[in-house]
């Protein structure tokens, strides 16, 4: 298992939001996207469907630490 700091940005009812989450990525090749969905207790198929469930608009997720993203890419 690994722990990652994830940022979700978007808008909810016309107001911009910024959420910083500490998520745990499971050992069975779970992706960060699946861990975010699990964090919210959702059964959504992907992040876009989770966003619709939550009422988020124009949203995305990214790693809080760009260094972590670079290490994962290598």
C-alpha atoms as a PDB file:
ATOM      1  CA  UNK A   1       0.000   0.000   0.000  1.00  0.00           C
ATOM      2  CA  UNK A   2       1.078   3.551  -0.631  1.00  0.00           C
ATOM      3  CA  UNK A   3      -0.271   6.874   0.514  1.00  0.00           C
ATOM      4  CA  UNK A   4      -0.617   9.812  -1.861  1.00  0.00           C
ATOM      5  CA  UNK A   5      -1.728  13.392  -1.460  1.00  0.00           C
ATOM      6  CA  UNK A   6      -4.267  14.197  -4.188  1.00  0.00           C
ATOM      7  CA  UNK A   7      -5.790  17.535  -5.189  1.00  0.00           C
ATOM      8  CA  UNK A   8      -9.303  17.794  -6.617  1.00  0.00           C
ATOM      9  CA  UNK A   9     -10.318  21.119  -8.136  1.00  0.00           C
ATOM     10  CA  UNK A  10     -13.611  22.065  -9.709  1.00  0.00           C
ATOM     11  CA  UNK A  11     -16.823  23.936  -9.051  1.00  0.00           C
ATOM     12  CA  UNK A  12     -19.930  23.097  -7.087  1.00  0.00           C
ATOM     13  CA  UNK A  13     -23.077  25.155  -7.602  1.00  0.00           C
ATOM     14  CA  UNK A  14     -20.998  27.811  -9.379  1.00  0.00           C
ATOM     15  CA  UNK A  15     -18.399  28.130  -6.603  1.00  0.00           C
ATOM     16  CA  UNK A  16     -14.803  27.006  -7.222  1.00  0.00           C
ATOM     17  CA  UNK A  17     -13.402  24.470  -4.757  1.00  0.00           C
ATOM     18  CA  UNK A  18     -10.055  22.913  -3.942  1.00  0.00           C
ATOM     19  CA  UNK A  19      -9.816  19.696  -1.913  1.00  0.00           C
ATOM     20  CA  UNK A  20      -6.642  18.068  -0.688  1.00  0.00           C
ATOM     21  CA  UNK A  21      -7.040  14.366   0.112  1.00  0.00           C
ATOM     22  CA  UNK A  22      -4.717  11.804   1.644  1.00  0.00           C
ATOM     23  CA  UNK A  23      -5.619   8.559  -0.070  1.00  0.00           C
ATOM     24  CA  UNK A  24      -4.309   5.041   0.401  1.00  0.00           C
ATOM     25  CA  UNK A  25      -3.715   3.072  -2.772  1.00  0.00           C
ATOM     26  CA  UNK A  26      -4.326  -0.631  -2.258  1.00  0.00           C
ATOM     27  CA  UNK A  27      -1.822  -3.371  -3.084  1.00  0.00           C
ATOM     28  CA  UNK A  28      -3.918  -5.098  -5.782  1.00  0.00           C
ATOM     29  CA  UNK A  29      -2.808  -2.687  -8.522  1.00  0.00           C
ATOM     30  CA  UNK A  30      -5.453  -0.175  -7.467  1.00  0.00           C
ATOM     31  CA  UNK A  31      -5.128   3.103  -9.334  1.00  0.00           C
ATOM     32  CA  UNK A  32      -5.268   6.552  -7.714  1.00  0.00           C
ATOM     33  CA  UNK A  33      -8.573   7.119  -9.533  1.00  0.00           C
ATOM     34  CA  UNK A  34     -10.099   3.976  -7.934  1.00  0.00           C
ATOM     35  CA  UNK A  35      -8.740   5.049  -4.526  1.00  0.00           C
ATOM     36  CA  UNK A  36     -10.444   8.461  -4.878  1.00  0.00           C
ATOM     37  CA  UNK A  37     -13.731   6.771  -5.772  1.00  0.00           C
ATOM     38  CA  UNK A  38     -13.376   4.432  -2.778  1.00  0.00           C
ATOM     39  CA  UNK A  39     -12.547   7.450  -0.528  1.00  0.00           C
ATOM     40  CA  UNK A  40     -15.984   8.864  -1.362  1.00  0.00           C
ATOM     41  CA  UNK A  41     -17.700   5.500  -0.820  1.00  0.00           C
ATOM     42  CA  UNK A  42     -18.939   5.435  -4.389  1.00  0.00           C
ATOM     43  CA  UNK A  43     -19.506   2.628  -6.870  1.00  0.00           C
ATOM     44  CA  UNK A  44     -18.794   4.961  -9.819  1.00  0.00           C
ATOM     45  CA  UNK A  45     -16.992   3.436 -12.802  1.00  0.00           C
ATOM     46  CA  UNK A  46     -14.586   6.371 -13.150  1.00  0.00           C
ATOM     47  CA  UNK A  47     -13.741   9.842 -11.847  1.00  0.00           C
ATOM     48  CA  UNK A  48     -16.072  11.574 -14.311  1.00  0.00           C
ATOM     49  CA  UNK A  49     -19.056   9.601 -13.002  1.00  0.00           C
ATOM     50  CA  UNK A  50     -17.989  10.309  -9.409  1.00  0.00           C
ATOM     51  CA  UNK A  51     -17.910  14.015 -10.271  1.00  0.00           C
ATOM     52  CA  UNK A  52     -21.464  13.824 -11.622  1.00  0.00           C
ATOM     53  CA  UNK A  53     -22.629  12.018  -8.474  1.00  0.00           C
ATOM     54  CA  UNK A  54     -21.058  14.731  -6.309  1.00  0.00           C
ATOM     55  CA  UNK A  55     -22.425  17.573  -8.472  1.00  0.00           C
ATOM     56  CA  UNK A  56     -18.929  18.778  -9.389  1.00  0.00           C
ATOM     57  CA  UNK A  57     -18.382  20.640 -12.651  1.00  0.00           C
ATOM     58  CA  UNK A  58     -15.193  21.374 -14.609  1.00  0.00           C
ATOM     59  CA  UNK A  59     -13.166  19.273 -12.200  1.00  0.00           C
ATOM     60  CA  UNK A  60     -10.016  17.215 -12.294  1.00  0.00           C
ATOM     61  CA  UNK A  61      -7.649  15.479  -9.915  1.00  0.00           C
ATOM     62  CA  UNK A  62      -3.865  15.628  -9.782  1.00  0.00           C
ATOM     63  CA  UNK A  63      -1.024  14.762  -7.454  1.00  0.00           C
ATOM     64  CA  UNK A  64      -0.269  17.380  -4.807  1.00  0.00           C
ATOM     65  CA  UNK A  65       3.446  16.676  -5.153  1.00  0.00           C
ATOM     66  CA  UNK A  66       4.725  16.874  -8.724  1.00  0.00           C
ATOM     67  CA  UNK A  67       7.791  14.864  -7.653  1.00  0.00           C
ATOM     68  CA  UNK A  68       5.538  11.854  -6.950  1.00  0.00           C
ATOM     69  CA  UNK A  69       4.108  12.114 -10.449  1.00  0.00           C
ATOM     70  CA  UNK A  70       7.593  12.193 -11.980  1.00  0.00           C
ATOM     71  CA  UNK A  71       8.678   9.135  -9.981  1.00  0.00           C
ATOM     72  CA  UNK A  72       5.599   7.191 -11.088  1.00  0.00           C
ATOM     73  CA  UNK A  73       6.248   8.081 -14.735  1.00  0.00           C
ATOM     74  CA  UNK A  74       9.767   6.619 -14.608  1.00  0.00           C
END
